[in-house]
C-alpha atoms as a PDB file:
ATOM      1  CA  UNK A   1      26.023 -64.008 -83.436  1.00  0.00           C
ATOM      2  CA  UNK A   2      24.100 -64.875 -80.294  1.00  0.00           C
ATOM      3  CA  UNK A   3      25.357 -67.973 -78.501  1.00  0.00           C
ATOM      4  CA  UNK A   4      23.622 -69.873 -75.732  1.00  0.00           C
ATOM      5  CA  UNK A   5      25.635 -70.361 -72.561  1.00  0.00           C
ATOM      6  CA  UNK A   6      26.350 -73.902 -71.429  1.00  0.00           C
ATOM      7  CA  UNK A   7      27.644 -75.263 -68.125  1.00  0.00           C
ATOM      8  CA  UNK A   8      30.207 -77.786 -66.964  1.00  0.00           C
ATOM      9  CA  UNK A   9      29.329 -80.268 -64.191  1.00  0.00           C
ATOM     10  CA  UNK A  10      31.075 -77.949 -61.702  1.00  0.00           C
ATOM     11  CA  UNK A  11      28.935 -75.021 -62.835  1.00  0.00           C
ATOM     12  CA  UNK A  12      31.324 -73.026 -65.037  1.00  0.00           C
ATOM     13  CA  UNK A  13      29.368 -71.033 -67.611  1.00  0.00           C
ATOM     14  CA  UNK A  14      30.860 -70.904 -71.107  1.00  0.00           C
ATOM     15  CA  UNK A  15      30.235 -70.057 -74.748  1.00  0.00           C
ATOM     16  CA  UNK A  16      31.622 -72.127 -77.627  1.00  0.00           C
ATOM     17  CA  UNK A  17      31.685 -71.513 -81.362  1.00  0.00           C
ATOM     18  CA  UNK A  18      33.547 -72.797 -84.412  1.00  0.00           C
ATOM     19  CA  UNK A  19      35.700 -75.818 -85.161  1.00  0.00           C
ATOM     20  CA  UNK A  20      39.379 -76.586 -85.371  1.00  0.00           C
ATOM     21  CA  UNK A  21      42.226 -75.858 -83.000  1.00  0.00           C
ATOM     22  CA  UNK A  22      40.761 -74.822 -79.599  1.00  0.00           C
ATOM     23  CA  UNK A  23      41.320 -71.252 -78.386  1.00  0.00           C
ATOM     24  CA  UNK A  24      40.158 -70.418 -74.851  1.00  0.00           C
ATOM     25  CA  UNK A  25      39.519 -66.797 -73.831  1.00  0.00           C
ATOM     26  CA  UNK A  26      39.787 -65.673 -70.172  1.00  0.00           C
ATOM     27  CA  UNK A  27      38.316 -62.268 -69.267  1.00  0.00           C
ATOM     28  CA  UNK A  28      39.519 -59.679 -66.737  1.00  0.00           C
ATOM     29  CA  UNK A  29      38.454 -59.005 -63.158  1.00  0.00           C
ATOM     30  CA  UNK A  30      34.919 -57.658 -62.830  1.00  0.00           C
ATOM     31  CA  UNK A  31      34.001 -58.603 -66.410  1.00  0.00           C
ATOM     32  CA  UNK A  32      32.646 -61.822 -67.922  1.00  0.00           C
ATOM     33  CA  UNK A  33      32.700 -63.981 -71.035  1.00  0.00           C
ATOM     34  CA  UNK A  34      30.603 -61.447 -72.956  1.00  0.00           C
ATOM     35  CA  UNK A  35      33.597 -59.101 -73.303  1.00  0.00           C
ATOM     36  CA  UNK A  36      34.944 -61.449 -76.011  1.00  0.00           C
ATOM     37  CA  UNK A  37      32.132 -60.938 -78.529  1.00  0.00           C
ATOM     38  CA  UNK A  38      34.431 -59.355 -81.112  1.00  0.00           C
ATOM     39  CA  UNK A  39      36.971 -62.154 -80.798  1.00  0.00           C
ATOM     40  CA  UNK A  40      34.359 -64.914 -80.988  1.00  0.00           C
ATOM     41  CA  UNK A  41      33.080 -63.441 -84.249  1.00  0.00           C
ATOM     42  CA  UNK A  42      36.555 -62.795 -85.606  1.00  0.00           C
ATOM     43  CA  UNK A  43      38.177 -66.132 -84.750  1.00  0.00           C
ATOM     44  CA  UNK A  44      35.460 -68.791 -84.865  1.00  0.00           C
ATOM     45  CA  UNK A  45      35.482 -69.143 -88.653  1.00  0.00           C
ATOM     46  CA  UNK A  46      38.944 -70.701 -88.292  1.00  0.00           C
ATOM     47  CA  UNK A  47      39.197 -72.006 -84.731  1.00  0.00           C
ATOM     48  CA  UNK A  48      37.130 -73.579 -81.978  1.00  0.00           C
ATOM     49  CA  UNK A  49      36.662 -70.598 -79.663  1.00  0.00           C
ATOM     50  CA  UNK A  50      35.605 -70.977 -76.017  1.00  0.00           C
ATOM     51  CA  UNK A  51      34.958 -68.076 -73.633  1.00  0.00           C
ATOM     52  CA  UNK A  52      33.973 -68.689 -70.022  1.00  0.00           C
ATOM     53  CA  UNK A  53      33.162 -66.916 -66.759  1.00  0.00           C
ATOM     54  CA  UNK A  54      35.933 -67.058 -64.179  1.00  0.00           C
ATOM     55  CA  UNK A  55      35.124 -68.082 -60.626  1.00  0.00           C
ATOM     56  CA  UNK A  56      33.167 -65.333 -58.915  1.00  0.00           C
ATOM     57  CA  UNK A  57      32.057 -63.754 -62.193  1.00  0.00           C
ATOM     58  CA  UNK A  58      29.047 -63.991 -64.474  1.00  0.00           C
ATOM     59  CA  UNK A  59      27.185 -67.245 -63.959  1.00  0.00           C
ATOM     60  CA  UNK A  60      30.082 -69.320 -62.616  1.00  0.00           C
ATOM     61  CA  UNK A  61      30.472 -70.414 -58.973  1.00  0.00           C
ATOM     62  CA  UNK A  62      32.205 -68.355 -56.311  1.00  0.00           C
ATOM     63  CA  UNK A  63      35.872 -69.051 -55.538  1.00  0.00           C
ATOM     64  CA  UNK A  64      37.056 -70.301 -52.174  1.00  0.00           C
ATOM     65  CA  UNK A  65      38.757 -67.407 -50.403  1.00  0.00           C
ATOM     66  CA  UNK A  66      41.901 -69.487 -49.790  1.00  0.00           C
ATOM     67  CA  UNK A  67      42.095 -71.185 -53.186  1.00  0.00           C
ATOM     68  CA  UNK A  68      44.547 -68.794 -54.794  1.00  0.00           C
ATOM     69  CA  UNK A  69      45.288 -68.696 -58.502  1.00  0.00           C
ATOM     70  CA  UNK A  70      45.504 -72.493 -58.472  1.00  0.00           C
ATOM     71  CA  UNK A  71      41.724 -72.668 -58.044  1.00  0.00           C
ATOM     72  CA  UNK A  72      41.231 -70.605 -61.201  1.00  0.00           C
ATOM     73  CA  UNK A  73      43.654 -72.855 -63.074  1.00  0.00           C
ATOM     74  CA  UNK A  74      41.727 -75.919 -61.871  1.00  0.00           C
ATOM     75  CA  UNK A  75      38.493 -74.357 -63.122  1.00  0.00           C
ATOM     76  CA  UNK A  76      40.018 -74.014 -66.580  1.00  0.00           C
ATOM     77  CA  UNK A  77      41.236 -77.619 -66.544  1.00  0.00           C
ATOM     78  CA  UNK A  78      37.774 -78.833 -65.529  1.00  0.00           C
ATOM     79  CA  UNK A  79      36.264 -76.879 -68.423  1.00  0.00           C
ATOM     80  CA  UNK A  80      38.667 -78.408 -70.928  1.00  0.00           C
ATOM     81  CA  UNK A  81      38.126 -81.896 -69.511  1.00  0.00           C
ATOM     82  CA  UNK A  82      34.368 -81.394 -69.894  1.00  0.00           C
ATOM     83  CA  UNK A  83      34.870 -80.376 -73.524  1.00  0.00           C
ATOM     84  CA  UNK A  84      37.264 -83.315 -74.070  1.00  0.00           C
ATOM     85  CA  UNK A  85      40.079 -80.963 -75.049  1.00  0.00           C
ATOM     86  CA  UNK A  86      43.513 -82.257 -74.103  1.00  0.00           C
ATOM     87  CA  UNK A  87      45.450 -79.122 -75.014  1.00  0.00           C
ATOM     88  CA  UNK A  88      44.568 -75.615 -76.224  1.00  0.00           C
ATOM     89  CA  UNK A  89      45.760 -72.110 -76.908  1.00  0.00           C
ATOM     90  CA  UNK A  90      44.990 -70.062 -73.805  1.00  0.00           C
ATOM     91  CA  UNK A  91      44.371 -66.325 -74.198  1.00  0.00           C
ATOM     92  CA  UNK A  92      44.219 -64.387 -70.932  1.00  0.00           C
ATOM     93  CA  UNK A  93      43.291 -60.714 -70.625  1.00  0.00           C
ATOM     94  CA  UNK A  94      44.356 -58.667 -67.570  1.00  0.00           C
ATOM     95  CA  UNK A  95      43.456 -60.868 -64.530  1.00  0.00           C
ATOM     96  CA  UNK A  96      42.879 -63.609 -67.087  1.00  0.00           C
ATOM     97  CA  UNK A  97      46.560 -63.304 -67.955  1.00  0.00           C
ATOM     98  CA  UNK A  98      47.449 -64.273 -64.381  1.00  0.00           C
ATOM     99  CA  UNK A  99      45.115 -67.272 -64.646  1.00  0.00           C
ATOM    100  CA  UNK A 100      46.713 -68.223 -67.966  1.00  0.00           C
ATOM    101  CA  UNK A 101      50.162 -68.075 -66.370  1.00  0.00           C
ATOM    102  CA  UNK A 102      49.004 -70.203 -63.439  1.00  0.00           C
ATOM    103  CA  UNK A 103      47.487 -72.733 -65.840  1.00  0.00           C
ATOM    104  CA  UNK A 104      50.699 -72.849 -67.897  1.00  0.00           C
ATOM    105  CA  UNK A 105      52.709 -73.654 -64.761  1.00  0.00           C
ATOM    106  CA  UNK A 106      50.298 -76.140 -63.168  1.00  0.00           C
ATOM    107  CA  UNK A 107      48.992 -77.886 -66.307  1.00  0.00           C
ATOM    108  CA  UNK A 108      51.768 -77.616 -68.921  1.00  0.00           C
ATOM    109  CA  UNK A 109      50.480 -80.732 -70.677  1.00  0.00           C
ATOM    110  CA  UNK A 110      47.225 -78.889 -71.386  1.00  0.00           C
ATOM    111  CA  UNK A 111      48.839 -75.950 -73.179  1.00  0.00           C
ATOM    112  CA  UNK A 112      50.136 -75.709 -76.719  1.00  0.00           C
ATOM    113  CA  UNK A 113      50.414 -71.928 -76.985  1.00  0.00           C
ATOM    114  CA  UNK A 114      49.899 -68.937 -74.730  1.00  0.00           C
ATOM    115  CA  UNK A 115      48.702 -65.363 -75.297  1.00  0.00           C
ATOM    116  CA  UNK A 116      48.666 -62.783 -72.514  1.00  0.00           C
ATOM    117  CA  UNK A 117      46.946 -59.475 -73.253  1.00  0.00           C
ATOM    118  CA  UNK A 118      47.090 -56.293 -71.149  1.00  0.00           C
ATOM    119  CA  UNK A 119      48.215 -58.094 -68.023  1.00  0.00           C
ATOM    120  CA  UNK A 120      50.356 -57.119 -65.054  1.00  0.00           C
ATOM    121  CA  UNK A 121      53.895 -58.068 -64.128  1.00  0.00           C
ATOM    122  CA  UNK A 122      56.448 -56.750 -61.641  1.00  0.00           C
ATOM    123  CA  UNK A 123      54.529 -53.657 -60.544  1.00  0.00           C
ATOM    124  CA  UNK A 124      56.491 -50.717 -59.188  1.00  0.00           C
ATOM    125  CA  UNK A 125      55.936 -49.717 -55.576  1.00  0.00           C
ATOM    126  CA  UNK A 126      53.726 -46.855 -56.777  1.00  0.00           C
ATOM    127  CA  UNK A 127      51.654 -49.115 -59.018  1.00  0.00           C
ATOM    128  CA  UNK A 128      51.281 -51.671 -56.250  1.00  0.00           C
ATOM    129  CA  UNK A 129      50.159 -49.018 -53.776  1.00  0.00           C
ATOM    130  CA  UNK A 130      47.531 -47.794 -56.221  1.00  0.00           C
ATOM    131  CA  UNK A 131      45.983 -51.205 -56.807  1.00  0.00           C
ATOM    132  CA  UNK A 132      46.057 -52.049 -53.093  1.00  0.00           C
ATOM    133  CA  UNK A 133      44.197 -48.783 -52.420  1.00  0.00           C
ATOM    134  CA  UNK A 134      41.556 -49.798 -54.958  1.00  0.00           C
ATOM    135  CA  UNK A 135      41.243 -53.187 -53.270  1.00  0.00           C
ATOM    136  CA  UNK A 136      40.516 -51.436 -49.986  1.00  0.00           C
ATOM    137  CA  UNK A 137      37.853 -49.336 -51.749  1.00  0.00           C
ATOM    138  CA  UNK A 138      36.230 -52.520 -53.041  1.00  0.00           C
ATOM    139  CA  UNK A 139      36.299 -54.109 -49.573  1.00  0.00           C
ATOM    140  CA  UNK A 140      34.658 -51.052 -48.038  1.00  0.00           C
ATOM    141  CA  UNK A 141      32.157 -50.033 -50.732  1.00  0.00           C
ATOM    142  CA  UNK A 142      31.589 -53.007 -53.026  1.00  0.00           C
ATOM    143  CA  UNK A 143      32.403 -53.849 -56.650  1.00  0.00           C
ATOM    144  CA  UNK A 144      31.175 -50.549 -58.079  1.00  0.00           C
ATOM    145  CA  UNK A 145      33.379 -48.436 -55.821  1.00  0.00           C
ATOM    146  CA  UNK A 146      35.917 -47.459 -58.477  1.00  0.00           C
ATOM    147  CA  UNK A 147      34.018 -48.279 -61.671  1.00  0.00           C
ATOM    148  CA  UNK A 148      34.185 -44.763 -63.135  1.00  0.00           C
ATOM    149  CA  UNK A 149      37.921 -44.539 -62.496  1.00  0.00           C
ATOM    150  CA  UNK A 150      38.405 -47.961 -64.076  1.00  0.00           C
ATOM    151  CA  UNK A 151      36.438 -47.049 -67.197  1.00  0.00           C
ATOM    152  CA  UNK A 152      38.492 -43.874 -67.610  1.00  0.00           C
ATOM    153  CA  UNK A 153      41.688 -45.946 -67.475  1.00  0.00           C
ATOM    154  CA  UNK A 154      40.393 -48.720 -69.685  1.00  0.00           C
ATOM    155  CA  UNK A 155      38.898 -46.808 -72.620  1.00  0.00           C
ATOM    156  CA  UNK A 156      39.899 -43.765 -74.621  1.00  0.00           C
ATOM    157  CA  UNK A 157      37.886 -40.595 -74.078  1.00  0.00           C
ATOM    158  CA  UNK A 158      36.717 -40.748 -77.703  1.00  0.00           C
ATOM    159  CA  UNK A 159      35.449 -44.300 -77.393  1.00  0.00           C
ATOM    160  CA  UNK A 160      33.573 -43.552 -74.190  1.00  0.00           C
ATOM    161  CA  UNK A 161      31.930 -40.539 -75.788  1.00  0.00           C
ATOM    162  CA  UNK A 162      30.919 -42.482 -78.897  1.00  0.00           C
ATOM    163  CA  UNK A 163      29.619 -45.575 -77.083  1.00  0.00           C
ATOM    164  CA  UNK A 164      27.786 -44.435 -73.932  1.00  0.00           C
ATOM    165  CA  UNK A 165      25.350 -47.375 -73.873  1.00  0.00           C
ATOM    166  CA  UNK A 166      28.163 -49.927 -73.973  1.00  0.00           C
ATOM    167  CA  UNK A 167      30.105 -48.058 -71.302  1.00  0.00           C
ATOM    168  CA  UNK A 168      27.005 -47.958 -69.093  1.00  0.00           C
ATOM    169  CA  UNK A 169      26.515 -51.707 -69.592  1.00  0.00           C
ATOM    170  CA  UNK A 170      30.088 -52.417 -68.499  1.00  0.00           C
ATOM    171  CA  UNK A 171      29.658 -50.098 -65.511  1.00  0.00           C
ATOM    172  CA  UNK A 172      26.569 -52.101 -64.535  1.00  0.00           C
ATOM    173  CA  UNK A 173      28.456 -55.389 -64.966  1.00  0.00           C
ATOM    174  CA  UNK A 174      31.178 -54.159 -62.627  1.00  0.00           C
ATOM    175  CA  UNK A 175      28.722 -52.900 -60.014  1.00  0.00           C
ATOM    176  CA  UNK A 176      26.572 -56.040 -59.972  1.00  0.00           C
ATOM    177  CA  UNK A 177      29.377 -58.545 -59.401  1.00  0.00           C
ATOM    178  CA  UNK A 178      29.035 -60.720 -56.328  1.00  0.00           C
ATOM    179  CA  UNK A 179      30.916 -58.741 -53.643  1.00  0.00           C
ATOM    180  CA  UNK A 180      32.675 -61.778 -52.187  1.00  0.00           C
ATOM    181  CA  UNK A 181      33.721 -63.229 -55.518  1.00  0.00           C
ATOM    182  CA  UNK A 182      34.861 -59.863 -56.843  1.00  0.00           C
ATOM    183  CA  UNK A 183      36.914 -59.039 -53.754  1.00  0.00           C
ATOM    184  CA  UNK A 184      38.603 -62.440 -53.719  1.00  0.00           C
ATOM    185  CA  UNK A 185      39.527 -62.143 -57.380  1.00  0.00           C
ATOM    186  CA  UNK A 186      40.589 -58.511 -57.124  1.00  0.00           C
ATOM    187  CA  UNK A 187      42.791 -59.371 -54.169  1.00  0.00           C
ATOM    188  CA  UNK A 188      44.645 -61.908 -56.306  1.00  0.00           C
ATOM    189  CA  UNK A 189      44.879 -59.451 -59.176  1.00  0.00           C
ATOM    190  CA  UNK A 190      46.405 -56.913 -56.783  1.00  0.00           C
ATOM    191  CA  UNK A 191      49.010 -59.215 -55.246  1.00  0.00           C
ATOM    192  CA  UNK A 192      49.939 -62.031 -57.641  1.00  0.00           C
ATOM    193  CA  UNK A 193      51.721 -60.241 -60.485  1.00  0.00           C
ATOM    194  CA  UNK A 194      54.934 -62.092 -59.519  1.00  0.00           C
ATOM    195  CA  UNK A 195      53.252 -65.496 -59.090  1.00  0.00           C
ATOM    196  CA  UNK A 196      55.913 -68.236 -59.383  1.00  0.00           C
ATOM    197  CA  UNK A 197      58.080 -65.803 -61.319  1.00  0.00           C
ATOM    198  CA  UNK A 198      61.188 -67.990 -61.085  1.00  0.00           C
ATOM    199  CA  UNK A 199      59.366 -70.802 -62.900  1.00  0.00           C
ATOM    200  CA  UNK A 200      58.275 -68.807 -65.952  1.00  0.00           C
ATOM    201  CA  UNK A 201      61.326 -70.076 -67.825  1.00  0.00           C
ATOM    202  CA  UNK A 202      59.779 -73.553 -67.757  1.00  0.00           C
ATOM    203  CA  UNK A 203      57.010 -72.470 -70.152  1.00  0.00           C
ATOM    204  CA  UNK A 204      58.114 -74.052 -73.432  1.00  0.00           C
ATOM    205  CA  UNK A 205      55.282 -73.295 -75.838  1.00  0.00           C
ATOM    206  CA  UNK A 206      54.920 -70.456 -78.358  1.00  0.00           C
ATOM    207  CA  UNK A 207      53.905 -67.349 -76.428  1.00  0.00           C
ATOM    208  CA  UNK A 208      52.755 -63.840 -77.272  1.00  0.00           C
ATOM    209  CA  UNK A 209      52.673 -61.040 -74.702  1.00  0.00           C
ATOM    210  CA  UNK A 210      50.868 -57.885 -75.834  1.00  0.00           C
ATOM    211  CA  UNK A 211      49.473 -54.673 -74.452  1.00  0.00           C
ATOM    212  CA  UNK A 212      48.451 -51.191 -75.535  1.00  0.00           C
ATOM    213  CA  UNK A 213      50.852 -48.301 -75.893  1.00  0.00           C
ATOM    214  CA  UNK A 214      48.650 -46.184 -73.611  1.00  0.00           C
ATOM    215  CA  UNK A 215      47.634 -48.835 -71.054  1.00  0.00           C
ATOM    216  CA  UNK A 216      48.500 -47.231 -67.687  1.00  0.00           C
ATOM    217  CA  UNK A 217      48.073 -50.346 -65.536  1.00  0.00           C
ATOM    218  CA  UNK A 218      49.424 -53.049 -67.844  1.00  0.00           C
ATOM    219  CA  UNK A 219      52.248 -51.121 -69.385  1.00  0.00           C
ATOM    220  CA  UNK A 220      54.529 -51.857 -72.342  1.00  0.00           C
ATOM    221  CA  UNK A 221      57.428 -52.193 -69.898  1.00  0.00           C
ATOM    222  CA  UNK A 222      55.494 -54.916 -68.051  1.00  0.00           C
ATOM    223  CA  UNK A 223      54.789 -56.758 -71.296  1.00  0.00           C
ATOM    224  CA  UNK A 224      58.430 -56.633 -72.363  1.00  0.00           C
ATOM    225  CA  UNK A 225      59.675 -57.768 -68.942  1.00  0.00           C
ATOM    226  CA  UNK A 226      57.236 -60.699 -68.871  1.00  0.00           C
ATOM    227  CA  UNK A 227      58.145 -61.740 -72.424  1.00  0.00           C
ATOM    228  CA  UNK A 228      61.821 -61.785 -71.437  1.00  0.00           C
ATOM    229  CA  UNK A 229      61.016 -64.377 -68.751  1.00  0.00           C
ATOM    230  CA  UNK A 230      59.337 -66.851 -71.143  1.00  0.00           C
ATOM    231  CA  UNK A 231      61.755 -68.498 -73.595  1.00  0.00           C
ATOM    232  CA  UNK A 232      61.115 -67.401 -77.169  1.00  0.00           C
ATOM    233  CA  UNK A 233      58.082 -65.268 -76.303  1.00  0.00           C
ATOM    234  CA  UNK A 234      57.073 -62.522 -78.702  1.00  0.00           C
ATOM    235  CA  UNK A 235      56.087 -59.077 -77.459  1.00  0.00           C
ATOM    236  CA  UNK A 236      53.719 -56.656 -79.202  1.00  0.00           C
ATOM    237  CA  UNK A 237      52.672 -53.144 -78.212  1.00  0.00           C
ATOM    238  CA  UNK A 238      49.648 -51.906 -80.142  1.00  0.00           C
ATOM    239  CA  UNK A 239      49.869 -48.194 -80.953  1.00  0.00           C
ATOM    240  CA  UNK A 240      47.433 -45.761 -79.307  1.00  0.00           C
ATOM    241  CA  UNK A 241      45.580 -48.564 -77.516  1.00  0.00           C
ATOM    242  CA  UNK A 242      44.464 -48.497 -73.893  1.00  0.00           C
ATOM    243  CA  UNK A 243      43.546 -51.361 -71.553  1.00  0.00           C
ATOM    244  CA  UNK A 244      40.318 -52.633 -73.105  1.00  0.00           C
ATOM    245  CA  UNK A 245      41.744 -52.977 -76.589  1.00  0.00           C
ATOM    246  CA  UNK A 246      39.949 -56.318 -77.267  1.00  0.00           C
ATOM    247  CA  UNK A 247      36.664 -54.389 -76.909  1.00  0.00           C
ATOM    248  CA  UNK A 248      37.681 -50.978 -78.229  1.00  0.00           C
ATOM    249  CA  UNK A 249      39.692 -52.275 -81.210  1.00  0.00           C
ATOM    250  CA  UNK A 250      38.596 -55.859 -81.881  1.00  0.00           C
ATOM    251  CA  UNK A 251      39.742 -55.948 -85.498  1.00  0.00           C
ATOM    252  CA  UNK A 252      43.261 -54.905 -84.534  1.00  0.00           C
ATOM    253  CA  UNK A 253      43.425 -57.446 -81.705  1.00  0.00           C
ATOM    254  CA  UNK A 254      41.894 -60.166 -83.877  1.00  0.00           C
ATOM    255  CA  UNK A 255      44.547 -59.604 -86.533  1.00  0.00           C
ATOM    256  CA  UNK A 256      47.256 -59.879 -83.893  1.00  0.00           C
ATOM    257  CA  UNK A 257      45.760 -63.163 -82.655  1.00  0.00           C
ATOM    258  CA  UNK A 258      45.159 -64.573 -86.127  1.00  0.00           C
ATOM    259  CA  UNK A 259      48.708 -63.807 -87.238  1.00  0.00           C
ATOM    260  CA  UNK A 260      50.094 -65.536 -84.154  1.00  0.00           C
ATOM    261  CA  UNK A 261      47.765 -68.534 -84.370  1.00  0.00           C
ATOM    262  CA  UNK A 262      48.454 -69.006 -88.070  1.00  0.00           C
ATOM    263  CA  UNK A 263      52.221 -68.923 -87.488  1.00  0.00           C
ATOM    264  CA  UNK A 264      52.173 -71.493 -84.698  1.00  0.00           C
ATOM    265  CA  UNK A 265      49.161 -73.692 -85.517  1.00  0.00           C
ATOM    266  CA  UNK A 266      48.094 -72.952 -89.070  1.00  0.00           C
ATOM    267  CA  UNK A 267      44.463 -72.548 -90.114  1.00  0.00           C
ATOM    268  CA  UNK A 268      41.894 -74.755 -91.765  1.00  0.00           C
ATOM    269  CA  UNK A 269      40.728 -71.750 -93.771  1.00  0.00           C
ATOM    270  CA  UNK A 270      42.470 -69.706 -96.416  1.00  0.00           C
ATOM    271  CA  UNK A 271      44.231 -66.795 -94.733  1.00  0.00           C
ATOM    272  CA  UNK A 272      42.583 -63.448 -95.408  1.00  0.00           C
ATOM    273  CA  UNK A 273      44.080 -60.420 -93.716  1.00  0.00           C
ATOM    274  CA  UNK A 274      41.647 -58.457 -91.577  1.00  0.00           C
ATOM    275  CA  UNK A 275      41.467 -54.781 -92.456  1.00  0.00           C
ATOM    276  CA  UNK A 276      42.472 -52.538 -89.547  1.00  0.00           C
END
């Protein structure tokens, strides 16, 4: 499936496929909407799936350096307004999970369920020091400064060995990000894991928090702690999965999403379990 990118009046680049209940996919820092190819294919037969480029990524505009996470939440609201979508399921991966949380707190009327995948919450001092050090690397040497280290954390050794062309393409995506946009976004990723933490209890929609068993930066403990803050949230830890599980194991992640979406919103298609 090859989709043609479209643009909102403010310049946000997005892909859209399918019909039914809207599901919006938010990528991680340094990536773009193309990371969701497996989910677009796997979900769009039952749902209206939208993937877009965050500010400072892909073909979308740069963020203002002082805009904070609120600017990323406003970008999402502008996208949904353009598509005439009042309310949607928001799925945020990694940095996208922080944007999803910000959107849930600033635009609760525009949210009817929430999924956060492989995202960060309440880092330890050691974890915080590590990500701050990587931010300094980015500031000094540009977006590609720690790409190899990131890929080693994100993917299993076996997957990297079996898919060198895809790994090289992701490395190139990381390295060719706009330096200003990447640094602004990475700075938020590094510092905003506790964004409005005391207000998370106000999120009153069905929520799923998930990560991989072997994700070193977005750990199972983080997922469980975040789920405890959101009333009624479910938590899932996928066995033997690392950070980029939507790319490395799309069928497994799609089944997780489909099961959740079917429970909370139903489906216009007959349910058929995806083989994992």
